[in-house]
Amino acid sequence: MNQTFNFYRFGLVLKLHLSEHLKSYLLGIGVLAGVWLLMLLPDTTRLSVFHESIYRKHGIFFGFIFCGAGAWFASEAFRMVSTPVRGILFLTIPASQLEKYLAVFLMLLLFVPVFLGVFYTIEGITFSIINARLPVGSPRYELLDLTSEYMDPEMRYLTFITPSFFLIGSIYFSKVPFVKTAVIAFVLYFITALFLNEFIVRQLFPPREHYGLTLFQEVNFIQNRRWYRVELAGQSQVIVNTLLVLIIPFLWFIAYVRFKEKEL
């Protein structure tokens, strides 16, 4: 098969993919909307005053549900090539490797705006009901700003990297890819957070009363009842942030290489 990328063939592969999976995607959107309704419904029925802490709670909900839903969706992305029986039909489609990979990859990218659309729709309905009950002159709830301080920086980064990491797991593991990839993800996270990052902090800072940190970016500690916050700055901050961002396309590339190996 000609491996030159062709937009027309790519459109046909994408159309075939949607025809086979559209019902599953719509069902997933319905489940996602139901989950958000269950999570935000208690606030809708209970709140009658303004609490700024609601934003932090919604930020936590957003991070955990996005990571969970994104991980599950990504781990199912390449199920069609998980076994020879399933993979033969897909891999023999008369389209290039890149076209078939991009069709699946595009669905993963579209997961982000779909998730945001469902979240903000449910949250907007929730806040509009609550705002109608708030006293006159009280601050009004607005949609969550994902770039604000209410979204934990570490959780914000996990929402970016989780789908990409589980995308690799979906093509590496033929059975229960979600569970196997989750185990590896937790092991890597704990090794990074509890050992490597902690080791670096202990080498750079003397013993303190309390530590709080964002991986490889900042350290918070208490000494003599005073709170200190130390952050990266200048070139060091640029280097670390660049490396953290580049990990994501690097994971995409690994998934593509592994996908090409499936056709060999």
C-alpha atoms as a PDB file:
ATOM      1  CA  MET A   1       0.000   0.000   0.000  1.00  0.00           C
ATOM      2  CA  ASN A   2       1.214   3.509  -0.878  1.00  0.00           C
ATOM      3  CA  GLN A   3       2.362   5.116   2.379  1.00  0.00           C
ATOM      4  CA  THR A   4       2.084   8.681   1.047  1.00  0.00           C
ATOM      5  CA  PHE A   5      -0.459  10.665   3.070  1.00  0.00           C
ATOM      6  CA  ASN A   6      -3.612  11.493   1.134  1.00  0.00           C
ATOM      7  CA  PHE A   7      -6.363  13.736   2.534  1.00  0.00           C
ATOM      8  CA  TYR A   8      -9.107  12.019   0.569  1.00  0.00           C
ATOM      9  CA  ARG A   9      -8.161   8.565   1.868  1.00  0.00           C
ATOM     10  CA  PHE A  10      -7.789  10.016   5.358  1.00  0.00           C
ATOM     11  CA  GLY A  11     -11.335  11.359   5.131  1.00  0.00           C
ATOM     12  CA  LEU A  12     -12.605   7.926   4.115  1.00  0.00           C
ATOM     13  CA  VAL A  13     -10.765   6.229   7.004  1.00  0.00           C
ATOM     14  CA  LEU A  14     -12.158   8.808   9.405  1.00  0.00           C
ATOM     15  CA  LYS A  15     -15.668   8.295   8.031  1.00  0.00           C
ATOM     16  CA  LEU A  16     -15.325   4.529   8.445  1.00  0.00           C
ATOM     17  CA  HIS A  17     -14.082   4.965  12.007  1.00  0.00           C
ATOM     18  CA  LEU A  18     -17.013   7.194  12.939  1.00  0.00           C
ATOM     19  CA  SER A  19     -19.550   4.846  11.353  1.00  0.00           C
ATOM     20  CA  GLU A  20     -18.204   1.991  13.479  1.00  0.00           C
ATOM     21  CA  HIS A  21     -17.783   3.872  16.762  1.00  0.00           C
ATOM     22  CA  LEU A  22     -20.245   6.781  16.742  1.00  0.00           C
ATOM     23  CA  LYS A  23     -22.806   4.968  18.918  1.00  0.00           C
ATOM     24  CA  SER A  24     -20.123   4.154  21.485  1.00  0.00           C
ATOM     25  CA  TYR A  25     -18.931   7.770  21.491  1.00  0.00           C
ATOM     26  CA  LEU A  26     -22.459   9.101  21.974  1.00  0.00           C
ATOM     27  CA  LEU A  27     -23.044   6.619  24.787  1.00  0.00           C
ATOM     28  CA  GLY A  28     -19.799   7.749  26.391  1.00  0.00           C
ATOM     29  CA  ILE A  29     -20.898  11.386  26.201  1.00  0.00           C
ATOM     30  CA  GLY A  30     -24.162  10.433  27.892  1.00  0.00           C
ATOM     31  CA  VAL A  31     -22.319   8.599  30.662  1.00  0.00           C
ATOM     32  CA  LEU A  32     -19.977  11.563  31.115  1.00  0.00           C
ATOM     33  CA  ALA A  33     -22.915  13.968  31.402  1.00  0.00           C
ATOM     34  CA  GLY A  34     -24.519  11.648  33.942  1.00  0.00           C
ATOM     35  CA  VAL A  35     -21.349  11.536  36.027  1.00  0.00           C
ATOM     36  CA  TRP A  36     -21.132  15.336  36.101  1.00  0.00           C
ATOM     37  CA  LEU A  37     -24.786  15.607  37.069  1.00  0.00           C
ATOM     38  CA  LEU A  38     -24.219  13.253  39.996  1.00  0.00           C
ATOM     39  CA  MET A  39     -21.108  15.177  41.085  1.00  0.00           C
ATOM     40  CA  LEU A  40     -22.599  18.660  40.852  1.00  0.00           C
ATOM     41  CA  LEU A  41     -26.225  17.971  41.769  1.00  0.00           C
ATOM     42  CA  PRO A  42     -25.623  18.202  45.561  1.00  0.00           C
ATOM     43  CA  ASP A  43     -24.366  21.791  45.174  1.00  0.00           C
ATOM     44  CA  THR A  44     -27.365  22.638  43.023  1.00  0.00           C
ATOM     45  CA  THR A  45     -29.838  21.550  45.684  1.00  0.00           C
ATOM     46  CA  ARG A  46     -27.935  22.698  48.764  1.00  0.00           C
ATOM     47  CA  LEU A  47     -26.039  25.935  48.124  1.00  0.00           C
ATOM     48  CA  SER A  48     -27.728  29.253  48.812  1.00  0.00           C
ATOM     49  CA  VAL A  49     -24.665  31.387  49.612  1.00  0.00           C
ATOM     50  CA  PHE A  50     -21.403  32.098  47.821  1.00  0.00           C
ATOM     51  CA  HIS A  51     -18.448  29.913  48.804  1.00  0.00           C
ATOM     52  CA  GLU A  52     -15.162  30.417  46.967  1.00  0.00           C
ATOM     53  CA  SER A  53     -14.100  26.910  47.981  1.00  0.00           C
ATOM     54  CA  ILE A  54     -16.592  25.526  45.440  1.00  0.00           C
ATOM     55  CA  TYR A  55     -14.149  26.436  42.676  1.00  0.00           C
ATOM     56  CA  ARG A  56     -11.403  24.384  44.282  1.00  0.00           C
ATOM     57  CA  LYS A  57     -13.761  21.428  44.670  1.00  0.00           C
ATOM     58  CA  HIS A  58     -14.791  21.681  41.027  1.00  0.00           C
ATOM     59  CA  GLY A  59     -11.115  21.868  40.069  1.00  0.00           C
ATOM     60  CA  ILE A  60     -10.458  18.613  41.928  1.00  0.00           C
ATOM     61  CA  PHE A  61     -13.494  16.985  40.314  1.00  0.00           C
ATOM     62  CA  PHE A  62     -12.378  18.160  36.886  1.00  0.00           C
ATOM     63  CA  GLY A  63      -8.844  16.828  37.294  1.00  0.00           C
ATOM     64  CA  PHE A  64      -9.792  13.386  38.566  1.00  0.00           C
ATOM     65  CA  ILE A  65     -12.686  12.809  36.164  1.00  0.00           C
ATOM     66  CA  PHE A  66     -10.711  14.067  33.161  1.00  0.00           C
ATOM     67  CA  CYS A  67      -7.783  11.794  34.035  1.00  0.00           C
ATOM     68  CA  GLY A  68     -10.087   8.824  34.566  1.00  0.00           C
ATOM     69  CA  ALA A  69     -12.228   9.351  31.470  1.00  0.00           C
ATOM     70  CA  GLY A  70      -9.240  10.303  29.328  1.00  0.00           C
ATOM     71  CA  ALA A  71      -7.302   7.256  30.483  1.00  0.00           C
ATOM     72  CA  TRP A  72     -10.191   4.921  29.729  1.00  0.00           C
ATOM     73  CA  PHE A  73     -10.883   6.465  26.318  1.00  0.00           C
ATOM     74  CA  ALA A  74      -7.215   6.395  25.327  1.00  0.00           C
ATOM     75  CA  SER A  75      -6.750   2.827  26.539  1.00  0.00           C
ATOM     76  CA  GLU A  76      -9.520   1.743  24.146  1.00  0.00           C
ATOM     77  CA  ALA A  77      -8.151   3.736  21.191  1.00  0.00           C
ATOM     78  CA  PHE A  78      -6.246   0.899  19.519  1.00  0.00           C
ATOM     79  CA  ARG A  79      -8.310  -2.035  20.694  1.00  0.00           C
ATOM     80  CA  MET A  80      -8.917  -2.914  17.042  1.00  0.00           C
ATOM     81  CA  VAL A  81      -5.274  -4.033  16.734  1.00  0.00           C
ATOM     82  CA  SER A  82      -4.987  -5.651  20.151  1.00  0.00           C
ATOM     83  CA  THR A  83      -5.195  -9.177  18.685  1.00  0.00           C
ATOM     84  CA  PRO A  84      -4.408 -10.652  15.246  1.00  0.00           C
ATOM     85  CA  VAL A  85      -8.067 -11.537  14.667  1.00  0.00           C
ATOM     86  CA  ARG A  86      -9.172  -7.945  15.229  1.00  0.00           C
ATOM     87  CA  GLY A  87      -6.106  -6.329  13.723  1.00  0.00           C
ATOM     88  CA  ILE A  88      -6.051  -8.048  10.334  1.00  0.00           C
ATOM     89  CA  LEU A  89      -9.233  -6.353   9.100  1.00  0.00           C
ATOM     90  CA  PHE A  90      -8.132  -2.900  10.262  1.00  0.00           C
ATOM     91  CA  LEU A  91      -4.526  -3.163   9.141  1.00  0.00           C
ATOM     92  CA  THR A  92      -5.530  -4.336   5.666  1.00  0.00           C
ATOM     93  CA  ILE A  93      -7.645  -1.238   5.010  1.00  0.00           C
ATOM     94  CA  PRO A  94      -6.207   0.340   1.822  1.00  0.00           C
ATOM     95  CA  ALA A  95      -4.809   3.429   3.539  1.00  0.00           C
ATOM     96  CA  SER A  96      -1.384   4.478   4.757  1.00  0.00           C
ATOM     97  CA  GLN A  97      -0.187   3.806   8.296  1.00  0.00           C
ATOM     98  CA  LEU A  98      -0.204   7.513   9.087  1.00  0.00           C
ATOM     99  CA  GLU A  99      -3.789   7.934   7.866  1.00  0.00           C
ATOM    100  CA  LYS A 100      -5.051   5.088  10.035  1.00  0.00           C
ATOM    101  CA  TYR A 101      -3.099   6.330  13.048  1.00  0.00           C
ATOM    102  CA  LEU A 102      -4.277   9.925  12.645  1.00  0.00           C
ATOM    103  CA  ALA A 103      -7.918   8.854  12.431  1.00  0.00           C
ATOM    104  CA  VAL A 104      -7.665   7.336  15.899  1.00  0.00           C
ATOM    105  CA  PHE A 105      -5.409  10.114  17.197  1.00  0.00           C
ATOM    106  CA  LEU A 106      -7.881  12.771  16.043  1.00  0.00           C
ATOM    107  CA  MET A 107     -10.595  11.135  18.126  1.00  0.00           C
ATOM    108  CA  LEU A 108      -8.323  11.390  21.144  1.00  0.00           C
ATOM    109  CA  LEU A 109      -7.756  15.093  20.480  1.00  0.00           C
ATOM    110  CA  LEU A 110     -11.495  15.667  20.042  1.00  0.00           C
ATOM    111  CA  PHE A 111     -12.048  14.121  23.461  1.00  0.00           C
ATOM    112  CA  VAL A 112     -10.727  17.334  25.026  1.00  0.00           C
ATOM    113  CA  PRO A 113     -13.271  19.829  23.575  1.00  0.00           C
ATOM    114  CA  VAL A 114     -16.088  17.310  24.033  1.00  0.00           C
ATOM    115  CA  PHE A 115     -15.175  16.835  27.700  1.00  0.00           C
ATOM    116  CA  LEU A 116     -14.892  20.600  28.208  1.00  0.00           C
ATOM    117  CA  GLY A 117     -18.234  21.144  26.486  1.00  0.00           C
ATOM    118  CA  VAL A 118     -20.029  18.613  28.699  1.00  0.00           C
ATOM    119  CA  PHE A 119     -18.359  19.897  31.869  1.00  0.00           C
ATOM    120  CA  TYR A 120     -19.051  23.572  31.264  1.00  0.00           C
ATOM    121  CA  THR A 121     -22.621  22.883  30.127  1.00  0.00           C
ATOM    122  CA  ILE A 122     -23.450  21.004  33.335  1.00  0.00           C
ATOM    123  CA  GLU A 123     -21.525  23.460  35.504  1.00  0.00           C
ATOM    124  CA  GLY A 124     -23.202  26.420  33.778  1.00  0.00           C
ATOM    125  CA  ILE A 125     -26.653  24.967  34.425  1.00  0.00           C
ATOM    126  CA  THR A 126     -25.677  24.263  38.035  1.00  0.00           C
ATOM    127  CA  PHE A 127     -24.372  27.762  38.672  1.00  0.00           C
ATOM    128  CA  SER A 128     -27.344  29.436  36.972  1.00  0.00           C
ATOM    129  CA  ILE A 129     -29.719  27.608  39.339  1.00  0.00           C
ATOM    130  CA  ILE A 130     -27.588  28.465  42.375  1.00  0.00           C
ATOM    131  CA  ASN A 131     -27.097  32.108  41.356  1.00  0.00           C
ATOM    132  CA  ALA A 132     -30.871  32.552  41.162  1.00  0.00           C
ATOM    133  CA  ARG A 133     -31.048  31.764  44.904  1.00  0.00           C
ATOM    134  CA  LEU A 134     -28.155  33.943  46.066  1.00  0.00           C
ATOM    135  CA  PRO A 135     -28.949  37.105  48.053  1.00  0.00           C
ATOM    136  CA  VAL A 136     -28.979  40.447  46.270  1.00  0.00           C
ATOM    137  CA  GLY A 137     -25.471  41.941  46.146  1.00  0.00           C
ATOM    138  CA  SER A 138     -23.766  38.587  46.689  1.00  0.00           C
ATOM    139  CA  PRO A 139     -20.965  37.536  44.304  1.00  0.00           C
ATOM    140  CA  ARG A 140     -22.142  35.232  41.536  1.00  0.00           C
ATOM    141  CA  TYR A 141     -20.624  31.920  40.550  1.00  0.00           C
ATOM    142  CA  GLU A 142     -18.820  31.885  37.217  1.00  0.00           C
ATOM    143  CA  LEU A 143     -17.474  29.015  35.141  1.00  0.00           C
ATOM    144  CA  LEU A 144     -14.277  27.459  36.456  1.00  0.00           C
ATOM    145  CA  ASP A 145     -11.078  29.009  35.107  1.00  0.00           C
ATOM    146  CA  LEU A 146      -8.721  26.092  34.486  1.00  0.00           C
ATOM    147  CA  THR A 147      -5.705  28.422  34.539  1.00  0.00           C
ATOM    148  CA  SER A 148      -6.541  29.837  37.963  1.00  0.00           C
ATOM    149  CA  GLU A 149      -5.075  28.883  41.327  1.00  0.00           C
ATOM    150  CA  TYR A 150      -8.092  26.660  41.984  1.00  0.00           C
ATOM    151  CA  MET A 151      -6.649  24.078  39.603  1.00  0.00           C
ATOM    152  CA  ASP A 152      -3.664  22.370  41.213  1.00  0.00           C
ATOM    153  CA  PRO A 153      -0.607  22.725  38.905  1.00  0.00           C
ATOM    154  CA  GLU A 154       0.352  19.080  39.273  1.00  0.00           C
ATOM    155  CA  MET A 155      -3.188  17.927  38.532  1.00  0.00           C
ATOM    156  CA  ARG A 156      -3.328  20.290  35.559  1.00  0.00           C
ATOM    157  CA  TYR A 157      -0.249  18.632  34.084  1.00  0.00           C
ATOM    158  CA  LEU A 158      -1.633  15.151  34.725  1.00  0.00           C
ATOM    159  CA  THR A 159      -4.735  16.044  32.713  1.00  0.00           C
ATOM    160  CA  PHE A 160      -2.453  16.797  29.758  1.00  0.00           C
ATOM    161  CA  ILE A 161      -0.204  13.751  29.949  1.00  0.00           C
ATOM    162  CA  THR A 162      -2.608  11.004  31.080  1.00  0.00           C
ATOM    163  CA  PRO A 163      -4.413  10.383  27.740  1.00  0.00           C
ATOM    164  CA  SER A 164      -1.096  10.328  25.878  1.00  0.00           C
ATOM    165  CA  PHE A 165       0.410   7.813  28.298  1.00  0.00           C
ATOM    166  CA  PHE A 166      -2.613   5.517  28.121  1.00  0.00           C
ATOM    167  CA  LEU A 167      -2.584   5.801  24.322  1.00  0.00           C
ATOM    168  CA  ILE A 168       0.694   3.892  24.358  1.00  0.00           C
ATOM    169  CA  GLY A 169      -0.747   1.324  26.742  1.00  0.00           C
ATOM    170  CA  SER A 170      -3.680   0.705  24.393  1.00  0.00           C
ATOM    171  CA  ILE A 171      -1.348  -0.450  21.649  1.00  0.00           C
ATOM    172  CA  TYR A 172       1.253  -2.230  23.798  1.00  0.00           C
ATOM    173  CA  PHE A 173      -1.116  -4.444  25.813  1.00  0.00           C
ATOM    174  CA  SER A 174      -3.527  -6.826  24.134  1.00  0.00           C
ATOM    175  CA  LYS A 175      -5.475  -7.629  27.329  1.00  0.00           C
ATOM    176  CA  VAL A 176      -6.880  -5.202  29.933  1.00  0.00           C
ATOM    177  CA  PRO A 177      -4.689  -2.309  28.728  1.00  0.00           C
ATOM    178  CA  PHE A 178      -6.388   0.149  31.102  1.00  0.00           C
ATOM    179  CA  VAL A 179      -5.453  -1.844  34.213  1.00  0.00           C
ATOM    180  CA  LYS A 180      -1.915  -2.672  33.110  1.00  0.00           C
ATOM    181  CA  THR A 181      -1.156   0.888  32.023  1.00  0.00           C
ATOM    182  CA  ALA A 182      -2.657   2.253  35.262  1.00  0.00           C
ATOM    183  CA  VAL A 183      -0.352   0.045  37.323  1.00  0.00           C
ATOM    184  CA  ILE A 184       2.685   1.261  35.390  1.00  0.00           C
ATOM    185  CA  ALA A 185       1.500   4.885  35.674  1.00  0.00           C
ATOM    186  CA  PHE A 186       1.138   4.644  39.460  1.00  0.00           C
ATOM    187  CA  VAL A 187       4.539   2.986  39.823  1.00  0.00           C
ATOM    188  CA  LEU A 188       6.225   5.668  37.719  1.00  0.00           C
ATOM    189  CA  TYR A 189       4.422   8.437  39.589  1.00  0.00           C
ATOM    190  CA  PHE A 190       5.392   7.161  43.016  1.00  0.00           C
ATOM    191  CA  ILE A 191       8.981   6.582  41.955  1.00  0.00           C
ATOM    192  CA  THR A 192       9.126  10.126  40.607  1.00  0.00           C
ATOM    193  CA  ALA A 193       7.236  11.807  43.445  1.00  0.00           C
ATOM    194  CA  LEU A 194       8.409   9.858  46.476  1.00  0.00           C
ATOM    195  CA  PHE A 195      11.970   9.031  45.538  1.00  0.00           C
ATOM    196  CA  LEU A 196      13.500  11.085  42.746  1.00  0.00           C
ATOM    197  CA  ASN A 197      11.786  14.405  43.480  1.00  0.00           C
ATOM    198  CA  GLU A 198      12.021  13.910  47.256  1.00  0.00           C
ATOM    199  CA  PHE A 199      15.712  13.070  46.959  1.00  0.00           C
ATOM    200  CA  ILE A 200      16.362  16.283  45.029  1.00  0.00           C
ATOM    201  CA  VAL A 201      14.446  18.360  47.578  1.00  0.00           C
ATOM    202  CA  ARG A 202      16.317  16.818  50.508  1.00  0.00           C
ATOM    203  CA  GLN A 203      19.642  17.532  48.847  1.00  0.00           C
ATOM    204  CA  LEU A 204      18.835  21.168  48.158  1.00  0.00           C
ATOM    205  CA  PHE A 205      17.002  22.067  51.374  1.00  0.00           C
ATOM    206  CA  PRO A 206      17.841  21.333  55.011  1.00  0.00           C
ATOM    207  CA  PRO A 207      15.271  19.555  57.207  1.00  0.00           C
ATOM    208  CA  ARG A 208      12.116  21.637  57.647  1.00  0.00           C
ATOM    209  CA  GLU A 209       8.928  21.369  59.658  1.00  0.00           C
ATOM    210  CA  HIS A 210       6.785  20.713  56.598  1.00  0.00           C
ATOM    211  CA  TYR A 211       7.217  20.271  52.872  1.00  0.00           C
ATOM    212  CA  GLY A 212       4.740  20.788  50.066  1.00  0.00           C
ATOM    213  CA  LEU A 213       5.812  20.654  46.456  1.00  0.00           C
ATOM    214  CA  THR A 214       5.012  20.633  42.790  1.00  0.00           C
ATOM    215  CA  LEU A 215       7.205  18.118  40.997  1.00  0.00           C
ATOM    216  CA  PHE A 216      10.475  19.670  39.804  1.00  0.00           C
ATOM    217  CA  GLN A 217       9.003  23.181  39.850  1.00  0.00           C
ATOM    218  CA  GLU A 218       8.474  24.563  43.347  1.00  0.00           C
ATOM    219  CA  VAL A 219       8.837  23.784  47.057  1.00  0.00           C
ATOM    220  CA  ASN A 220       6.759  25.124  49.933  1.00  0.00           C
ATOM    221  CA  PHE A 221       7.876  24.714  53.526  1.00  0.00           C
ATOM    222  CA  ILE A 222       7.223  26.006  57.038  1.00  0.00           C
ATOM    223  CA  GLN A 223      10.024  27.063  59.361  1.00  0.00           C
ATOM    224  CA  ASN A 224       9.541  28.800  62.702  1.00  0.00           C
ATOM    225  CA  ARG A 225       5.839  29.180  61.878  1.00  0.00           C
ATOM    226  CA  ARG A 226       6.597  31.129  58.737  1.00  0.00           C
ATOM    227  CA  TRP A 227       5.573  29.962  55.265  1.00  0.00           C
ATOM    228  CA  TYR A 228       8.159  29.977  52.479  1.00  0.00           C
ATOM    229  CA  ARG A 229       7.727  29.283  48.783  1.00  0.00           C
ATOM    230  CA  VAL A 230      10.664  28.671  46.455  1.00  0.00           C
ATOM    231  CA  GLU A 231      10.093  28.515  42.698  1.00  0.00           C
ATOM    232  CA  LEU A 232      12.237  27.957  39.659  1.00  0.00           C
ATOM    233  CA  ALA A 233      13.012  31.082  37.688  1.00  0.00           C
ATOM    234  CA  GLY A 234      14.766  32.173  34.531  1.00  0.00           C
ATOM    235  CA  GLN A 235      16.457  29.589  32.329  1.00  0.00           C
ATOM    236  CA  SER A 236      15.916  26.715  34.782  1.00  0.00           C
ATOM    237  CA  GLN A 237      12.163  27.237  34.689  1.00  0.00           C
ATOM    238  CA  VAL A 238      12.135  27.395  30.881  1.00  0.00           C
ATOM    239  CA  ILE A 239      14.165  24.165  30.595  1.00  0.00           C
ATOM    240  CA  VAL A 240      11.974  22.195  33.029  1.00  0.00           C
ATOM    241  CA  ASN A 241       8.697  23.451  31.519  1.00  0.00           C
ATOM    242  CA  THR A 242       9.962  22.695  27.998  1.00  0.00           C
ATOM    243  CA  LEU A 243      10.917  19.142  28.939  1.00  0.00           C
ATOM    244  CA  LEU A 244       7.555  18.546  30.605  1.00  0.00           C
ATOM    245  CA  VAL A 245       5.720  19.772  27.506  1.00  0.00           C
ATOM    246  CA  LEU A 246       7.878  17.792  25.068  1.00  0.00           C
ATOM    247  CA  ILE A 247       7.087  14.548  26.882  1.00  0.00           C
ATOM    248  CA  ILE A 248       3.561  14.636  25.426  1.00  0.00           C
ATOM    249  CA  PRO A 249       4.425  14.678  21.670  1.00  0.00           C
ATOM    250  CA  PHE A 250       7.194  12.183  22.449  1.00  0.00           C
ATOM    251  CA  LEU A 251       4.543   9.779  23.764  1.00  0.00           C
ATOM    252  CA  TRP A 252       2.503  10.335  20.588  1.00  0.00           C
ATOM    253  CA  PHE A 253       5.541   9.446  18.509  1.00  0.00           C
ATOM    254  CA  ILE A 254       6.168   6.261  20.510  1.00  0.00           C
ATOM    255  CA  ALA A 255       2.543   5.225  19.953  1.00  0.00           C
ATOM    256  CA  TYR A 256       2.917   5.811  16.208  1.00  0.00           C
ATOM    257  CA  VAL A 257       6.128   3.766  16.037  1.00  0.00           C
ATOM    258  CA  ARG A 258       4.448   0.924  17.902  1.00  0.00           C
ATOM    259  CA  PHE A 259       1.464   1.147  15.562  1.00  0.00           C
ATOM    260  CA  LYS A 260       3.749   0.845  12.525  1.00  0.00           C
ATOM    261  CA  GLU A 261       5.277  -2.275  14.068  1.00  0.00           C
ATOM    262  CA  LYS A 262       1.807  -3.836  14.205  1.00  0.00           C
ATOM    263  CA  GLU A 263       1.640  -3.768  10.409  1.00  0.00           C
ATOM    264  CA  LEU A 264       5.030  -5.394   9.893  1.00  0.00           C
END
